[in-house]
Amino acid sequence: MLEELFRRIKIGPVEIRNRIVMPPMVTFLASESGAVTQRMIDYYSERAKGGVGLIIVEAAYVRERDREFGRLGIENPQLQAGLSELAESIQEQGARAFLQLNHRGGALSIHRGRGPEEMSRKRSRK
């Protein structure tokens, strides 16, 4: 039964060395501008080295206004080099890298301490 866990699998055209998946977890290791840092590369590379087949890199914001300190971003072409380096470091260890996209939507905007309760109060006053 356990041998199935270590068998290769394909997701579309992507072949993965085993069925062990690291789900996305926000690490807050990105720079203030949302760029990949060496610490982030080291973090994910170590997990890939440990034998994970697929790493789903943490939620990355797609709009600059959703940027928060330490969160990964993809909205700016200047961030591409770091994202490529991150993916390469994961792949060098034999794992595959996917990326979770994060868009907060037009209706809900939670920023620095304002939660859904406050947003609901604002809407009910209209």
Protein backbone atom coordinates (compact mmCIF):
# COMPACT_ATOMS: atom_id res chain seq x y z
CA MET A 1 0.00 0.00 0.00
CA LEU A 2 2.76 2.48 0.88
CA GLU A 3 4.59 1.77 -2.37
CA GLU A 4 1.78 3.63 -4.19
CA LEU A 5 2.79 6.80 -2.30
CA PHE A 6 6.25 6.64 -3.84
CA ARG A 7 5.18 5.90 -7.43
CA ARG A 8 5.55 8.56 -10.11
CA ILE A 9 2.40 10.36 -11.21
CA LYS A 10 1.51 12.81 -13.97
CA ILE A 11 -0.64 15.90 -13.55
CA GLY A 12 -1.32 16.93 -17.13
CA PRO A 13 2.10 17.06 -18.79
CA VAL A 14 3.98 17.40 -15.47
CA GLU A 15 5.60 14.25 -14.13
CA ILE A 16 6.09 14.13 -10.36
CA ARG A 17 8.55 11.76 -8.69
CA ASN A 18 6.11 10.64 -6.01
CA ARG A 19 2.71 11.50 -4.57
CA ILE A 20 3.94 13.47 -1.59
CA VAL A 21 2.67 17.06 -1.83
CA MET A 22 3.61 20.03 0.32
CA PRO A 23 0.53 22.28 0.42
CA PRO A 24 0.82 26.07 0.23
CA MET A 25 1.60 27.76 3.56
CA VAL A 26 2.38 31.45 3.83
CA THR A 27 5.87 31.81 5.31
CA PHE A 28 6.25 35.62 5.27
CA LEU A 29 9.76 35.09 3.88
CA ALA A 30 9.34 37.38 0.86
CA SER A 31 10.84 40.85 0.87
CA GLU A 32 8.80 43.96 1.63
CA SER A 33 8.27 44.40 -2.12
CA GLY A 34 6.99 40.83 -2.51
CA ALA A 35 10.20 39.49 -4.03
CA VAL A 36 11.68 36.06 -3.42
CA THR A 37 14.50 36.15 -0.84
CA GLN A 38 17.42 33.78 -0.33
CA ARG A 39 15.80 32.64 2.90
CA MET A 40 12.66 31.67 0.95
CA ILE A 41 14.74 29.78 -1.62
CA ASP A 42 16.56 27.91 1.16
CA TYR A 43 13.27 27.06 2.90
CA TYR A 44 11.65 25.51 -0.17
CA SER A 45 14.86 23.89 -1.40
CA GLU A 46 15.27 22.05 1.89
CA ARG A 47 11.75 20.65 1.65
CA ALA A 48 12.37 19.52 -1.92
CA LYS A 49 15.64 17.91 -0.82
CA GLY A 50 13.70 16.04 1.86
CA GLY A 51 11.85 14.05 -0.80
CA VAL A 52 8.62 15.95 -1.45
CA GLY A 53 7.41 15.31 -5.02
CA LEU A 54 5.37 18.48 -5.49
CA ILE A 55 5.66 21.78 -3.65
CA ILE A 56 2.80 24.22 -4.00
CA VAL A 57 4.49 27.52 -3.23
CA GLU A 58 2.58 29.85 -0.93
CA ALA A 59 -0.18 32.20 -1.98
CA ALA A 60 1.12 34.98 -4.20
CA TYR A 61 -0.84 38.19 -4.60
CA VAL A 62 -1.71 39.26 -8.13
CA ARG A 63 -2.52 42.93 -7.46
CA GLU A 64 -0.10 45.37 -5.87
CA ARG A 65 -2.77 46.81 -3.58
CA ASP A 66 -3.04 43.39 -1.91
CA ARG A 67 0.66 43.46 -0.94
CA GLU A 68 1.48 42.89 2.70
CA PHE A 69 4.86 42.68 4.40
CA GLY A 70 6.48 39.31 3.81
CA ARG A 71 3.92 38.08 1.25
CA LEU A 72 5.02 36.78 -2.12
CA GLY A 73 3.96 38.77 -5.18
CA ILE A 74 3.70 38.10 -8.91
CA GLU A 75 2.04 41.31 -10.11
CA ASN A 76 5.25 42.98 -11.23
CA PRO A 77 7.51 41.72 -14.05
CA GLN A 78 10.52 42.70 -11.92
CA LEU A 79 9.62 39.83 -9.56
CA GLN A 80 10.00 37.19 -12.30
CA ALA A 81 13.73 36.57 -11.88
CA GLY A 82 13.33 35.63 -8.22
CA LEU A 83 10.34 33.40 -8.96
CA SER A 84 12.35 31.62 -11.66
CA GLU A 85 15.26 31.14 -9.27
CA LEU A 86 12.87 29.72 -6.66
CA ALA A 87 11.36 27.26 -9.13
CA GLU A 88 14.83 26.21 -10.35
CA SER A 89 16.07 25.59 -6.80
CA ILE A 90 13.07 23.33 -6.12
CA GLN A 91 13.52 21.47 -9.41
CA GLU A 92 17.26 21.00 -8.83
CA GLN A 93 16.30 18.86 -5.84
CA GLY A 94 14.02 16.68 -7.99
CA ALA A 95 10.67 18.16 -6.96
CA ARG A 96 8.17 20.11 -9.05
CA ALA A 97 6.89 23.58 -8.16
CA PHE A 98 3.35 24.88 -8.52
CA LEU A 99 2.23 28.31 -7.28
CA GLN A 100 -0.97 29.27 -5.45
CA LEU A 101 -2.47 32.51 -6.78
CA ASN A 102 -4.24 34.78 -4.33
CA HIS A 103 -6.81 37.39 -5.30
CA ARG A 104 -8.89 38.83 -2.52
CA GLY A 105 -11.82 39.66 -4.77
CA GLY A 106 -13.64 42.92 -5.32
CA ALA A 107 -16.12 42.62 -2.46
CA LEU A 108 -13.81 41.81 0.44
CA SER A 109 -10.63 43.69 1.17
CA ILE A 110 -8.93 42.80 4.44
CA HIS A 111 -5.96 45.04 5.15
CA ARG A 112 -3.86 45.44 8.29
CA GLY A 113 -6.30 44.77 11.08
CA ARG A 114 -9.61 45.30 9.32
CA GLY A 115 -11.54 42.06 9.35
CA PRO A 116 -14.80 40.86 7.81
CA GLU A 117 -16.82 42.17 10.78
CA GLU A 118 -15.71 45.76 10.13
CA MET A 119 -16.39 45.38 6.42
CA SER A 120 -19.92 44.14 7.18
CA ARG A 121 -20.60 47.10 9.47
CA LYS A 122 -19.52 49.53 6.73
CA ARG A 123 -21.86 47.92 4.20
CA SER A 124 -24.84 47.90 6.56
CA ARG A 125 -24.53 51.67 7.14
CA LYS A 126 -25.14 52.45 3.47
